[in-house]
């Protein structure tokens, strides 16, 4: 296992380990920021960078673990370190050149839309402000832009169901391994469970998202 330095805001803030796993390498970044933060890790090599993923809180540190093929990381060259950036400080992308606008005929007036939200499954309620469902600033940041989120109390904790589409980005990426996919009839959802302290846990075996047999 190889070990590399990890930097946040230009200063040492943790470490990165890389372990060989057949044709892959497993990378684990461990960062110790001061206070809550929304962070993304990048592998930095001699010839460029490669995103590693969003870090999630784990005790008093933030971590992300990901397995990458050596073929995919070859373009980096020799690995030097891991760079962690706050989500509002990601590398700038070059603006795309927009095609020239053509004069189109005026559009017909839009008719009132009759589109309605799918029915709410029994026992659930819609969350107009999903970011208020958690006391964690980390998860609230990810829930804020989502629409159509459902929630309900489960024991002493809470279930949160976010609309799921395999063709779209996965909601709450750090909790991918905690999610169950649930077909509610009116739509598909990724269901996440949180205990009474607000920590993520695996949903109940017989609850929403249990694979059908």
N, C-alpha and C. Protein backbone atom coordinates (compact mmCIF):
# COMPACT_ATOMS: atom_id res chain seq x y z
N UNK A 1 0.85 -1.20 0.00
CA UNK A 1 0.00 0.00 0.00
C UNK A 1 0.88 1.25 0.00
N UNK A 2 0.59 2.15 -0.91
CA UNK A 2 1.33 3.41 -1.00
C UNK A 2 0.55 4.53 -0.32
N UNK A 3 1.27 5.49 0.20
CA UNK A 3 0.65 6.60 0.93
C UNK A 3 1.15 7.92 0.35
N UNK A 4 0.22 8.87 0.17
CA UNK A 4 0.54 10.17 -0.43
C UNK A 4 -0.04 11.29 0.43
N UNK A 5 0.54 12.48 0.32
CA UNK A 5 -0.01 13.62 1.08
C UNK A 5 -1.34 14.10 0.49
N UNK A 6 -2.14 14.70 1.33
CA UNK A 6 -3.43 15.28 0.92
C UNK A 6 -3.44 16.74 1.36
N UNK A 7 -3.88 17.63 0.44
CA UNK A 7 -3.85 19.06 0.71
C UNK A 7 -5.24 19.66 0.60
N UNK A 8 -5.56 20.56 1.50
CA UNK A 8 -6.79 21.35 1.48
C UNK A 8 -6.41 22.80 1.71
N UNK A 9 -6.88 23.68 0.84
CA UNK A 9 -6.53 25.11 0.93
C UNK A 9 -5.01 25.31 0.90
N UNK A 10 -4.31 24.43 0.17
CA UNK A 10 -2.87 24.56 0.02
C UNK A 10 -2.05 24.06 1.19
N UNK A 11 -2.70 23.51 2.23
CA UNK A 11 -1.98 23.04 3.41
C UNK A 11 -2.25 21.55 3.63
N UNK A 12 -1.29 20.82 4.25
CA UNK A 12 -1.51 19.40 4.54
C UNK A 12 -2.73 19.24 5.44
N UNK A 13 -3.62 18.29 5.09
CA UNK A 13 -4.85 18.11 5.87
C UNK A 13 -5.27 16.65 5.94
N UNK A 14 -4.36 15.73 5.66
CA UNK A 14 -4.71 14.32 5.72
C UNK A 14 -3.80 13.50 4.84
N UNK A 15 -4.32 12.40 4.31
CA UNK A 15 -3.48 11.52 3.49
C UNK A 15 -4.34 10.74 2.50
N UNK A 16 -3.66 10.16 1.51
CA UNK A 16 -4.28 9.31 0.50
C UNK A 16 -3.53 7.99 0.47
N UNK A 17 -4.26 6.87 0.47
CA UNK A 17 -3.63 5.57 0.31
C UNK A 17 -4.06 4.94 -1.00
N UNK A 18 -3.19 4.15 -1.60
CA UNK A 18 -3.49 3.45 -2.85
C UNK A 18 -3.04 2.01 -2.69
N UNK A 19 -3.99 1.07 -2.88
CA UNK A 19 -3.68 -0.35 -2.72
C UNK A 19 -4.05 -1.08 -4.01
N UNK A 20 -3.18 -1.97 -4.46
CA UNK A 20 -3.42 -2.73 -5.69
C UNK A 20 -4.49 -3.78 -5.45
N UNK A 21 -5.46 -3.87 -6.40
CA UNK A 21 -6.54 -4.87 -6.35
C UNK A 21 -6.71 -5.45 -7.75
N UNK A 22 -5.81 -6.36 -8.14
CA UNK A 22 -5.88 -6.94 -9.47
C UNK A 22 -5.56 -5.91 -10.54
N UNK A 23 -6.53 -5.68 -11.46
CA UNK A 23 -6.36 -4.69 -12.52
C UNK A 23 -6.74 -3.30 -12.06
N UNK A 24 -7.08 -3.16 -10.78
CA UNK A 24 -7.54 -1.88 -10.25
C UNK A 24 -6.64 -1.43 -9.11
N UNK A 25 -6.79 -0.17 -8.76
CA UNK A 25 -6.19 0.38 -7.56
C UNK A 25 -7.30 0.97 -6.71
N UNK A 26 -7.26 0.71 -5.41
CA UNK A 26 -8.27 1.26 -4.50
C UNK A 26 -7.67 2.46 -3.78
N UNK A 27 -8.32 3.61 -3.96
CA UNK A 27 -7.85 4.85 -3.37
C UNK A 27 -8.75 5.24 -2.20
N UNK A 28 -8.15 5.68 -1.12
CA UNK A 28 -8.91 6.16 0.04
C UNK A 28 -8.30 7.47 0.52
N UNK A 29 -9.11 8.52 0.47
CA UNK A 29 -8.67 9.83 0.93
C UNK A 29 -9.25 10.10 2.31
N UNK A 30 -8.43 10.59 3.22
CA UNK A 30 -8.85 10.94 4.57
C UNK A 30 -8.45 12.39 4.83
N UNK A 31 -9.45 13.24 5.09
CA UNK A 31 -9.20 14.67 5.27
C UNK A 31 -9.72 15.12 6.63
N UNK A 32 -8.98 16.03 7.25
CA UNK A 32 -9.38 16.57 8.56
C UNK A 32 -9.54 18.09 8.44
N UNK A 33 -10.69 18.55 7.92
CA UNK A 33 -10.91 20.00 7.82
C UNK A 33 -11.29 20.57 9.18
N UNK A 34 -11.22 21.86 9.29
CA UNK A 34 -11.66 22.52 10.53
C UNK A 34 -13.13 22.86 10.39
N UNK A 35 -13.98 22.10 11.05
CA UNK A 35 -15.41 22.34 10.99
C UNK A 35 -16.06 21.67 9.79
N UNK A 36 -17.40 21.75 9.70
CA UNK A 36 -18.14 21.13 8.58
C UNK A 36 -17.70 21.71 7.25
N UNK A 37 -17.73 20.88 6.22
CA UNK A 37 -17.33 21.35 4.89
C UNK A 37 -17.91 20.42 3.84
N UNK A 38 -18.08 20.95 2.63
CA UNK A 38 -18.50 20.16 1.47
C UNK A 38 -17.30 20.06 0.55
N UNK A 39 -16.75 18.86 0.42
CA UNK A 39 -15.43 18.70 -0.20
C UNK A 39 -15.45 17.65 -1.31
N UNK A 40 -14.58 17.84 -2.29
CA UNK A 40 -14.38 16.87 -3.36
C UNK A 40 -12.88 16.63 -3.51
N UNK A 41 -12.50 15.37 -3.67
CA UNK A 41 -11.09 15.00 -3.77
C UNK A 41 -10.69 14.77 -5.23
N UNK A 42 -9.44 15.13 -5.54
CA UNK A 42 -8.89 14.95 -6.89
C UNK A 42 -7.52 14.28 -6.77
N UNK A 43 -7.27 13.28 -7.63
CA UNK A 43 -5.93 12.71 -7.72
C UNK A 43 -5.09 13.64 -8.59
N UNK A 44 -3.88 13.96 -8.13
CA UNK A 44 -3.00 14.82 -8.91
C UNK A 44 -1.76 14.05 -9.31
N UNK A 45 -1.53 14.00 -10.63
CA UNK A 45 -0.34 13.33 -11.14
C UNK A 45 0.56 14.29 -11.88
N UNK A 46 1.59 13.76 -12.50
CA UNK A 46 2.54 14.60 -13.23
C UNK A 46 1.89 15.27 -14.45
N UNK A 47 0.83 14.62 -15.02
CA UNK A 47 0.27 15.15 -16.26
C UNK A 47 -1.19 15.59 -16.14
N UNK A 48 -1.69 15.72 -14.95
CA UNK A 48 -3.07 16.21 -14.82
C UNK A 48 -3.75 15.74 -13.55
N UNK A 49 -5.08 15.91 -13.53
CA UNK A 49 -5.89 15.56 -12.36
C UNK A 49 -7.05 14.65 -12.77
N UNK A 50 -7.56 13.91 -11.78
CA UNK A 50 -8.70 13.02 -12.01
C UNK A 50 -9.59 13.08 -10.77
N UNK A 51 -10.91 13.34 -10.92
CA UNK A 51 -11.77 13.43 -9.73
C UNK A 51 -11.90 12.08 -9.03
N UNK A 52 -11.81 12.10 -7.72
CA UNK A 52 -11.94 10.89 -6.92
C UNK A 52 -13.34 10.75 -6.33
N UNK A 53 -13.95 11.89 -5.96
CA UNK A 53 -15.31 11.83 -5.45
C UNK A 53 -15.54 12.80 -4.30
N UNK A 54 -16.80 12.88 -3.86
CA UNK A 54 -17.20 13.75 -2.75
C UNK A 54 -16.91 13.04 -1.43
N UNK A 55 -16.32 13.77 -0.49
CA UNK A 55 -15.99 13.19 0.81
C UNK A 55 -17.21 13.25 1.73
N UNK A 56 -17.40 12.20 2.51
CA UNK A 56 -18.51 12.11 3.46
C UNK A 56 -17.96 12.06 4.87
N UNK A 57 -18.68 12.61 5.86
CA UNK A 57 -18.20 12.58 7.24
C UNK A 57 -18.15 11.16 7.78
N UNK A 58 -17.08 10.86 8.49
CA UNK A 58 -16.91 9.56 9.12
C UNK A 58 -16.19 9.79 10.44
N UNK A 59 -16.98 9.90 11.51
CA UNK A 59 -16.40 10.26 12.80
C UNK A 59 -15.92 11.69 12.77
N UNK A 60 -14.65 11.92 13.11
CA UNK A 60 -14.11 13.28 13.12
C UNK A 60 -13.32 13.60 11.86
N UNK A 61 -13.43 12.74 10.82
CA UNK A 61 -12.74 13.00 9.56
C UNK A 61 -13.74 12.92 8.41
N UNK A 62 -13.28 13.29 7.21
CA UNK A 62 -14.07 13.16 5.99
C UNK A 62 -13.33 12.20 5.07
N UNK A 63 -14.03 11.24 4.48
CA UNK A 63 -13.37 10.23 3.67
C UNK A 63 -14.12 9.97 2.37
N UNK A 64 -13.40 9.40 1.41
CA UNK A 64 -13.99 8.86 0.19
C UNK A 64 -13.10 7.71 -0.24
N UNK A 65 -13.72 6.61 -0.67
CA UNK A 65 -12.99 5.43 -1.11
C UNK A 65 -13.52 5.02 -2.49
N UNK A 66 -12.62 4.81 -3.43
CA UNK A 66 -13.05 4.48 -4.79
C UNK A 66 -12.01 3.60 -5.47
N UNK A 67 -12.50 2.64 -6.25
CA UNK A 67 -11.63 1.73 -6.99
C UNK A 67 -11.60 2.16 -8.46
N UNK A 68 -10.41 2.41 -8.98
CA UNK A 68 -10.24 2.87 -10.36
C UNK A 68 -9.32 1.92 -11.12
N UNK A 69 -9.60 1.76 -12.42
CA UNK A 69 -8.75 0.89 -13.23
C UNK A 69 -7.43 1.60 -13.52
N UNK A 70 -6.38 0.83 -13.62
CA UNK A 70 -5.07 1.42 -13.93
C UNK A 70 -5.07 2.03 -15.33
N UNK A 71 -5.87 1.44 -16.21
CA UNK A 71 -5.95 1.99 -17.56
C UNK A 71 -6.53 3.39 -17.53
N UNK A 72 -7.51 3.62 -16.64
CA UNK A 72 -8.14 4.93 -16.56
C UNK A 72 -7.28 5.99 -15.91
N UNK A 73 -6.35 5.57 -15.05
CA UNK A 73 -5.49 6.54 -14.35
C UNK A 73 -4.12 6.69 -15.01
N UNK A 74 -3.90 5.95 -16.11
CA UNK A 74 -2.58 5.98 -16.76
C UNK A 74 -2.22 7.38 -17.25
N UNK A 75 -3.24 8.14 -17.70
CA UNK A 75 -2.97 9.47 -18.25
C UNK A 75 -2.45 10.45 -17.20
N UNK A 76 -2.61 10.11 -15.92
CA UNK A 76 -2.11 11.01 -14.87
C UNK A 76 -0.59 11.01 -14.79
N UNK A 77 0.02 9.91 -15.22
CA UNK A 77 1.46 9.78 -15.01
C UNK A 77 1.71 9.38 -13.57
N UNK A 78 2.87 9.70 -13.06
CA UNK A 78 3.20 9.34 -11.68
C UNK A 78 2.33 10.13 -10.70
N UNK A 79 1.67 9.42 -9.78
CA UNK A 79 0.80 10.07 -8.80
C UNK A 79 1.65 10.87 -7.79
N UNK A 80 1.24 12.10 -7.54
CA UNK A 80 1.99 12.97 -6.63
C UNK A 80 1.29 13.17 -5.29
N UNK A 81 -0.04 13.45 -5.33
CA UNK A 81 -0.75 13.77 -4.09
C UNK A 81 -2.25 13.76 -4.36
N UNK A 82 -2.99 14.11 -3.34
CA UNK A 82 -4.44 14.27 -3.46
C UNK A 82 -4.79 15.72 -3.11
N UNK A 83 -5.56 16.37 -3.98
CA UNK A 83 -6.00 17.74 -3.74
C UNK A 83 -7.48 17.72 -3.35
N UNK A 84 -7.83 18.34 -2.26
CA UNK A 84 -9.23 18.43 -1.82
C UNK A 84 -9.67 19.88 -1.95
N UNK A 85 -10.79 20.07 -2.63
CA UNK A 85 -11.32 21.42 -2.83
C UNK A 85 -12.74 21.50 -2.30
N UNK A 86 -13.09 22.68 -1.83
CA UNK A 86 -14.47 22.91 -1.42
C UNK A 86 -15.33 22.95 -2.68
N UNK A 87 -16.60 22.55 -2.55
CA UNK A 87 -17.43 22.42 -3.73
C UNK A 87 -17.65 23.72 -4.46
N UNK A 88 -17.45 24.85 -3.78
CA UNK A 88 -17.58 26.14 -4.47
C UNK A 88 -16.24 26.64 -5.00
N UNK A 89 -15.23 25.75 -4.99
CA UNK A 89 -13.90 26.13 -5.47
C UNK A 89 -13.38 25.09 -6.46
N UNK A 90 -14.27 24.53 -7.29
CA UNK A 90 -13.86 23.53 -8.27
C UNK A 90 -13.13 24.20 -9.43
N UNK A 91 -12.29 23.43 -10.15
CA UNK A 91 -11.57 24.02 -11.30
C UNK A 91 -12.54 24.61 -12.30
N UNK A 92 -12.20 25.78 -12.80
CA UNK A 92 -13.09 26.45 -13.75
C UNK A 92 -13.07 25.74 -15.09
N UNK A 93 -14.25 25.63 -15.69
CA UNK A 93 -14.36 25.05 -17.02
C UNK A 93 -14.34 26.16 -18.06
N UNK A 94 -13.72 25.87 -19.20
CA UNK A 94 -13.70 26.85 -20.27
C UNK A 94 -15.11 27.03 -20.81
N UNK A 95 -15.57 28.25 -20.95
CA UNK A 95 -16.93 28.46 -21.45
C UNK A 95 -17.08 27.91 -22.86
N UNK A 96 -18.20 27.23 -23.09
CA UNK A 96 -18.46 26.68 -24.41
C UNK A 96 -18.91 27.78 -25.35
N UNK A 97 -18.49 27.63 -26.61
CA UNK A 97 -18.89 28.62 -27.61
C UNK A 97 -20.34 28.36 -28.00
N UNK A 98 -21.17 29.35 -27.78
CA UNK A 98 -22.58 29.20 -28.08
C UNK A 98 -22.85 29.45 -29.56
N UNK A 99 -23.71 28.63 -30.16
CA UNK A 99 -24.02 28.85 -31.58
C UNK A 99 -24.77 30.15 -31.77
N UNK A 100 -24.58 30.72 -32.95
CA UNK A 100 -25.26 31.98 -33.23
C UNK A 100 -26.76 31.77 -33.29
N UNK A 101 -27.47 32.74 -32.74
CA UNK A 101 -28.92 32.65 -32.70
C UNK A 101 -29.51 33.03 -34.07
N UNK A 102 -30.50 32.28 -34.47
CA UNK A 102 -31.20 32.58 -35.70
C UNK A 102 -32.57 33.15 -35.39
N UNK A 103 -33.04 33.99 -36.28
CA UNK A 103 -34.35 34.60 -36.06
C UNK A 103 -35.42 33.55 -36.32
N UNK A 104 -36.10 33.13 -35.28
CA UNK A 104 -37.17 32.14 -35.40
C UNK A 104 -38.51 32.84 -35.40
N UNK A 105 -39.50 32.25 -36.04
CA UNK A 105 -40.84 32.84 -36.00
C UNK A 105 -41.35 32.88 -34.58
N UNK A 106 -42.16 33.88 -34.24
CA UNK A 106 -42.68 33.97 -32.88
C UNK A 106 -43.44 32.71 -32.49
N UNK A 107 -43.20 32.29 -31.27
CA UNK A 107 -43.85 31.07 -30.78
C UNK A 107 -45.30 31.35 -30.43
N UNK A 108 -46.12 30.31 -30.56
CA UNK A 108 -47.53 30.44 -30.21
C UNK A 108 -47.64 30.58 -28.70
N UNK A 109 -48.65 31.31 -28.23
CA UNK A 109 -48.83 31.46 -26.78
C UNK A 109 -48.95 30.10 -26.11
N UNK A 110 -48.27 29.96 -24.98
CA UNK A 110 -48.30 28.69 -24.25
C UNK A 110 -49.65 28.49 -23.59
N UNK A 111 -50.15 27.27 -23.69
CA UNK A 111 -51.41 26.95 -23.04
C UNK A 111 -51.14 26.50 -21.62
N UNK A 112 -52.07 26.71 -20.72
CA UNK A 112 -51.88 26.29 -19.34
C UNK A 112 -51.57 24.79 -19.28
N UNK A 113 -50.57 24.44 -18.49
CA UNK A 113 -50.17 23.04 -18.38
C UNK A 113 -51.06 22.31 -17.39
N UNK A 114 -51.45 21.11 -17.78
CA UNK A 114 -52.27 20.31 -16.87
C UNK A 114 -51.43 19.28 -16.13
N UNK A 115 -50.08 19.42 -16.20
CA UNK A 115 -49.21 18.46 -15.55
C UNK A 115 -49.36 18.53 -14.04
N UNK A 116 -49.47 17.38 -13.43
CA UNK A 116 -49.63 17.31 -11.98
C UNK A 116 -48.59 16.37 -11.41
N UNK A 117 -48.29 16.55 -10.14
CA UNK A 117 -47.34 15.67 -9.49
C UNK A 117 -47.96 14.29 -9.31
N UNK A 118 -47.14 13.23 -9.35
CA UNK A 118 -47.67 11.89 -9.13
C UNK A 118 -48.26 11.78 -7.73
N UNK A 119 -49.23 10.89 -7.54
CA UNK A 119 -49.85 10.77 -6.21
C UNK A 119 -48.82 10.37 -5.16
N UNK A 120 -49.03 10.88 -3.96
CA UNK A 120 -48.13 10.57 -2.86
C UNK A 120 -48.47 9.19 -2.29
N UNK A 121 -47.49 8.28 -2.20
CA UNK A 121 -47.77 6.95 -1.66
C UNK A 121 -48.31 7.03 -0.24
N UNK A 122 -49.14 6.08 0.12
CA UNK A 122 -49.76 6.05 1.45
C UNK A 122 -48.69 5.99 2.53
N UNK A 123 -48.86 6.79 3.56
CA UNK A 123 -47.93 6.81 4.69
C UNK A 123 -46.77 7.76 4.52
N UNK A 124 -46.68 8.43 3.35
CA UNK A 124 -45.58 9.35 3.08
C UNK A 124 -46.12 10.77 2.95
N UNK A 125 -45.25 11.73 3.07
CA UNK A 125 -45.62 13.12 2.81
C UNK A 125 -44.54 13.78 1.98
N UNK A 126 -44.95 14.77 1.19
CA UNK A 126 -43.99 15.46 0.34
C UNK A 126 -43.22 16.50 1.14
N UNK A 127 -41.96 16.65 0.82
CA UNK A 127 -41.08 17.60 1.51
C UNK A 127 -40.80 18.77 0.57
N UNK A 128 -41.48 19.91 0.82
CA UNK A 128 -41.25 21.09 -0.01
C UNK A 128 -39.86 21.68 0.21
N UNK A 129 -39.33 21.50 1.43
CA UNK A 129 -37.98 21.97 1.76
C UNK A 129 -37.17 20.78 2.27
N UNK A 130 -36.71 19.89 1.37
CA UNK A 130 -36.04 18.67 1.82
C UNK A 130 -34.78 18.92 2.65
N UNK A 131 -34.15 20.09 2.46
CA UNK A 131 -32.94 20.36 3.24
C UNK A 131 -33.23 20.48 4.73
N UNK A 132 -34.50 20.67 5.09
CA UNK A 132 -34.85 20.77 6.51
C UNK A 132 -35.05 19.41 7.16
N UNK A 133 -34.94 18.36 6.40
CA UNK A 133 -35.16 17.02 6.94
C UNK A 133 -33.94 16.50 7.70
N UNK A 134 -32.82 17.19 7.61
CA UNK A 134 -31.60 16.74 8.28
C UNK A 134 -30.91 17.92 8.95
N UNK A 135 -30.26 17.63 10.06
CA UNK A 135 -29.49 18.66 10.76
C UNK A 135 -28.07 18.75 10.23
N UNK A 136 -27.72 17.86 9.29
CA UNK A 136 -26.37 17.85 8.71
C UNK A 136 -26.29 18.84 7.55
N UNK A 137 -25.40 19.81 7.65
CA UNK A 137 -25.21 20.77 6.57
C UNK A 137 -24.71 20.07 5.31
N UNK A 138 -23.97 18.99 5.49
CA UNK A 138 -23.42 18.23 4.37
C UNK A 138 -24.53 17.64 3.51
N UNK A 139 -25.49 16.94 4.15
CA UNK A 139 -26.58 16.32 3.41
C UNK A 139 -27.65 17.34 3.02
N UNK A 140 -27.84 18.38 3.82
CA UNK A 140 -28.81 19.42 3.47
C UNK A 140 -28.43 20.09 2.15
N UNK A 141 -27.14 20.29 1.93
CA UNK A 141 -26.66 20.91 0.69
C UNK A 141 -27.05 20.07 -0.52
N UNK A 142 -27.01 18.74 -0.39
CA UNK A 142 -27.34 17.85 -1.50
C UNK A 142 -28.85 17.70 -1.69
N UNK A 143 -29.61 17.83 -0.60
CA UNK A 143 -31.06 17.68 -0.69
C UNK A 143 -31.74 18.94 -1.23
N UNK A 144 -31.12 20.11 -1.02
CA UNK A 144 -31.77 21.38 -1.35
C UNK A 144 -32.26 21.45 -2.80
N UNK A 145 -31.48 21.06 -3.80
CA UNK A 145 -31.96 21.22 -5.20
C UNK A 145 -32.91 20.13 -5.66
N UNK A 146 -33.16 19.10 -4.84
CA UNK A 146 -34.01 17.99 -5.28
C UNK A 146 -35.49 18.35 -5.17
N UNK A 147 -36.28 17.86 -6.09
CA UNK A 147 -37.73 18.07 -6.06
C UNK A 147 -38.42 16.72 -6.02
N UNK A 148 -39.64 16.70 -5.50
CA UNK A 148 -40.40 15.46 -5.43
C UNK A 148 -39.94 14.53 -4.33
N UNK A 149 -39.23 15.05 -3.33
CA UNK A 149 -38.72 14.22 -2.24
C UNK A 149 -39.87 13.84 -1.30
N UNK A 150 -39.88 12.58 -0.85
CA UNK A 150 -40.87 12.09 0.10
C UNK A 150 -40.18 11.78 1.43
N UNK A 151 -40.95 11.80 2.51
CA UNK A 151 -40.38 11.48 3.82
C UNK A 151 -41.44 10.89 4.72
N UNK A 152 -40.99 10.16 5.72
CA UNK A 152 -41.88 9.65 6.76
C UNK A 152 -41.04 9.21 7.95
N UNK A 153 -41.66 9.20 9.12
CA UNK A 153 -40.99 8.74 10.32
C UNK A 153 -40.96 7.21 10.31
N UNK A 154 -39.86 6.66 10.81
CA UNK A 154 -39.70 5.21 10.87
C UNK A 154 -39.02 4.88 12.19
N UNK A 155 -39.82 4.39 13.17
CA UNK A 155 -39.26 4.15 14.49
C UNK A 155 -38.84 5.47 15.11
N UNK A 156 -37.59 5.56 15.56
CA UNK A 156 -37.10 6.81 16.10
C UNK A 156 -36.38 7.65 15.07
N UNK A 157 -36.29 7.13 13.83
CA UNK A 157 -35.56 7.86 12.79
C UNK A 157 -36.46 8.36 11.68
N UNK A 158 -35.89 8.52 10.50
CA UNK A 158 -36.64 9.07 9.37
C UNK A 158 -36.18 8.41 8.07
N UNK A 159 -37.15 8.23 7.16
CA UNK A 159 -36.86 7.78 5.80
C UNK A 159 -36.99 8.95 4.85
N UNK A 160 -36.07 9.05 3.91
CA UNK A 160 -36.11 10.07 2.87
C UNK A 160 -36.04 9.36 1.52
N UNK A 161 -37.03 9.61 0.67
CA UNK A 161 -37.08 8.98 -0.65
C UNK A 161 -36.92 10.05 -1.72
N UNK A 162 -35.85 9.95 -2.50
CA UNK A 162 -35.58 10.92 -3.56
C UNK A 162 -35.87 10.27 -4.91
N UNK A 163 -36.54 11.00 -5.84
CA UNK A 163 -36.81 10.43 -7.17
C UNK A 163 -35.54 9.89 -7.80
N UNK A 164 -35.64 8.71 -8.42
CA UNK A 164 -34.47 8.03 -8.98
C UNK A 164 -34.69 7.75 -10.45
N UNK A 165 -33.71 8.12 -11.26
CA UNK A 165 -33.71 7.84 -12.69
C UNK A 165 -32.30 7.39 -13.04
N UNK A 166 -32.13 6.13 -13.52
CA UNK A 166 -30.78 5.64 -13.83
C UNK A 166 -30.02 6.51 -14.82
N UNK A 167 -30.76 7.29 -15.63
CA UNK A 167 -30.10 8.13 -16.64
C UNK A 167 -29.65 9.47 -16.06
N UNK A 168 -30.05 9.77 -14.82
CA UNK A 168 -29.70 11.04 -14.19
C UNK A 168 -28.68 10.82 -13.08
N UNK A 169 -27.99 11.90 -12.62
CA UNK A 169 -27.05 11.76 -11.51
C UNK A 169 -27.75 11.19 -10.28
N UNK A 170 -27.04 10.33 -9.55
CA UNK A 170 -27.61 9.69 -8.37
C UNK A 170 -27.76 10.70 -7.24
N UNK A 171 -28.94 10.73 -6.56
CA UNK A 171 -29.11 11.67 -5.44
C UNK A 171 -28.28 11.22 -4.24
N UNK A 172 -27.69 12.16 -3.53
CA UNK A 172 -26.85 11.88 -2.36
C UNK A 172 -25.77 10.83 -2.68
N UNK A 173 -24.82 11.14 -3.60
CA UNK A 173 -23.81 10.17 -4.01
C UNK A 173 -23.04 9.52 -2.86
N UNK A 174 -22.68 10.25 -1.77
CA UNK A 174 -21.93 9.58 -0.70
C UNK A 174 -22.71 8.44 -0.03
N UNK A 175 -24.06 8.42 -0.17
CA UNK A 175 -24.87 7.38 0.46
C UNK A 175 -25.30 6.31 -0.53
N UNK A 176 -24.57 6.18 -1.64
CA UNK A 176 -24.95 5.20 -2.67
C UNK A 176 -25.10 3.80 -2.08
N UNK A 177 -24.19 3.40 -1.19
CA UNK A 177 -24.23 2.04 -0.64
C UNK A 177 -25.34 1.87 0.40
N UNK A 178 -25.93 2.97 0.88
CA UNK A 178 -26.99 2.88 1.88
C UNK A 178 -28.38 2.88 1.25
N UNK A 179 -28.47 3.14 -0.04
CA UNK A 179 -29.77 3.34 -0.68
C UNK A 179 -30.42 2.02 -1.08
N UNK A 180 -31.76 2.03 -1.06
CA UNK A 180 -32.56 0.96 -1.65
C UNK A 180 -33.42 1.59 -2.74
N UNK A 181 -33.51 0.92 -3.88
CA UNK A 181 -34.34 1.43 -4.97
C UNK A 181 -35.76 0.88 -4.80
N UNK A 182 -36.72 1.79 -4.81
CA UNK A 182 -38.12 1.45 -4.51
C UNK A 182 -39.00 1.87 -5.68
N UNK A 183 -39.77 0.92 -6.21
CA UNK A 183 -40.75 1.22 -7.25
C UNK A 183 -42.09 1.44 -6.56
N UNK A 184 -42.48 2.72 -6.46
CA UNK A 184 -43.71 3.08 -5.75
C UNK A 184 -44.94 3.01 -6.64
N UNK A 185 -44.80 2.53 -7.87
CA UNK A 185 -45.94 2.49 -8.78
C UNK A 185 -46.05 3.77 -9.57
N UNK A 186 -46.06 4.90 -8.88
CA UNK A 186 -46.13 6.20 -9.54
C UNK A 186 -44.75 6.74 -9.90
N UNK A 187 -43.69 6.02 -9.52
CA UNK A 187 -42.33 6.46 -9.81
C UNK A 187 -41.34 5.65 -9.02
N UNK A 188 -40.06 5.79 -9.37
CA UNK A 188 -38.99 5.08 -8.67
C UNK A 188 -38.25 6.04 -7.76
N UNK A 189 -37.82 5.53 -6.61
CA UNK A 189 -37.16 6.36 -5.60
C UNK A 189 -35.94 5.64 -5.05
N UNK A 190 -34.93 6.44 -4.66
CA UNK A 190 -33.82 5.95 -3.87
C UNK A 190 -34.15 6.28 -2.42
N UNK A 191 -34.26 5.25 -1.58
CA UNK A 191 -34.70 5.44 -0.20
C UNK A 191 -33.48 5.41 0.72
N UNK A 192 -33.37 6.43 1.58
CA UNK A 192 -32.29 6.54 2.55
C UNK A 192 -32.89 6.57 3.95
N UNK A 193 -32.25 5.89 4.90
CA UNK A 193 -32.73 5.87 6.28
C UNK A 193 -31.72 6.56 7.19
N UNK A 194 -32.24 7.33 8.15
CA UNK A 194 -31.41 8.02 9.12
C UNK A 194 -31.92 7.69 10.52
N UNK A 195 -31.01 7.48 11.47
CA UNK A 195 -31.44 7.17 12.83
C UNK A 195 -31.80 8.44 13.58
N UNK A 196 -32.12 8.29 14.88
CA UNK A 196 -32.58 9.45 15.66
C UNK A 196 -31.52 10.52 15.82
N UNK A 197 -30.25 10.17 15.59
CA UNK A 197 -29.16 11.15 15.68
C UNK A 197 -28.87 11.81 14.34
N UNK A 198 -29.58 11.34 13.28
CA UNK A 198 -29.35 11.89 11.95
C UNK A 198 -28.25 11.20 11.18
N UNK A 199 -27.75 10.06 11.70
CA UNK A 199 -26.71 9.31 11.00
C UNK A 199 -27.34 8.34 10.00
N UNK A 200 -26.75 8.19 8.81
CA UNK A 200 -27.32 7.27 7.82
C UNK A 200 -27.19 5.82 8.26
N UNK A 201 -28.23 5.02 8.03
CA UNK A 201 -28.23 3.59 8.32
C UNK A 201 -28.88 2.87 7.14
N UNK A 202 -28.77 1.55 7.10
CA UNK A 202 -29.41 0.78 6.04
C UNK A 202 -30.92 0.74 6.30
N UNK A 203 -31.76 0.94 5.25
CA UNK A 203 -33.21 0.84 5.43
C UNK A 203 -33.59 -0.56 5.91
N UNK A 204 -34.78 -0.67 6.53
CA UNK A 204 -35.26 -1.95 7.04
C UNK A 204 -35.32 -2.98 5.91
N UNK A 205 -35.06 -4.25 6.26
CA UNK A 205 -35.05 -5.31 5.26
C UNK A 205 -36.38 -5.43 4.53
N UNK A 206 -37.49 -5.22 5.26
CA UNK A 206 -38.81 -5.37 4.64
C UNK A 206 -39.46 -4.03 4.31
N UNK A 207 -38.68 -2.96 4.35
CA UNK A 207 -39.23 -1.64 4.08
C UNK A 207 -39.18 -1.30 2.60
N UNK A 208 -39.50 -0.04 2.26
CA UNK A 208 -39.43 0.40 0.86
C UNK A 208 -38.03 0.16 0.30
N UNK A 209 -37.97 -0.33 -0.90
CA UNK A 209 -36.69 -0.56 -1.54
C UNK A 209 -36.20 -1.98 -1.43
N UNK A 210 -36.96 -2.84 -0.68
CA UNK A 210 -36.57 -4.23 -0.58
C UNK A 210 -36.73 -4.89 -1.96
N UNK A 211 -35.69 -5.56 -2.46
CA UNK A 211 -35.84 -6.19 -3.78
C UNK A 211 -37.00 -7.16 -3.82
N UNK A 212 -37.78 -7.14 -4.90
CA UNK A 212 -38.90 -8.05 -5.03
C UNK A 212 -38.41 -9.42 -5.47
N UNK A 213 -39.00 -10.46 -4.89
CA UNK A 213 -38.60 -11.83 -5.24
C UNK A 213 -39.70 -12.49 -6.04
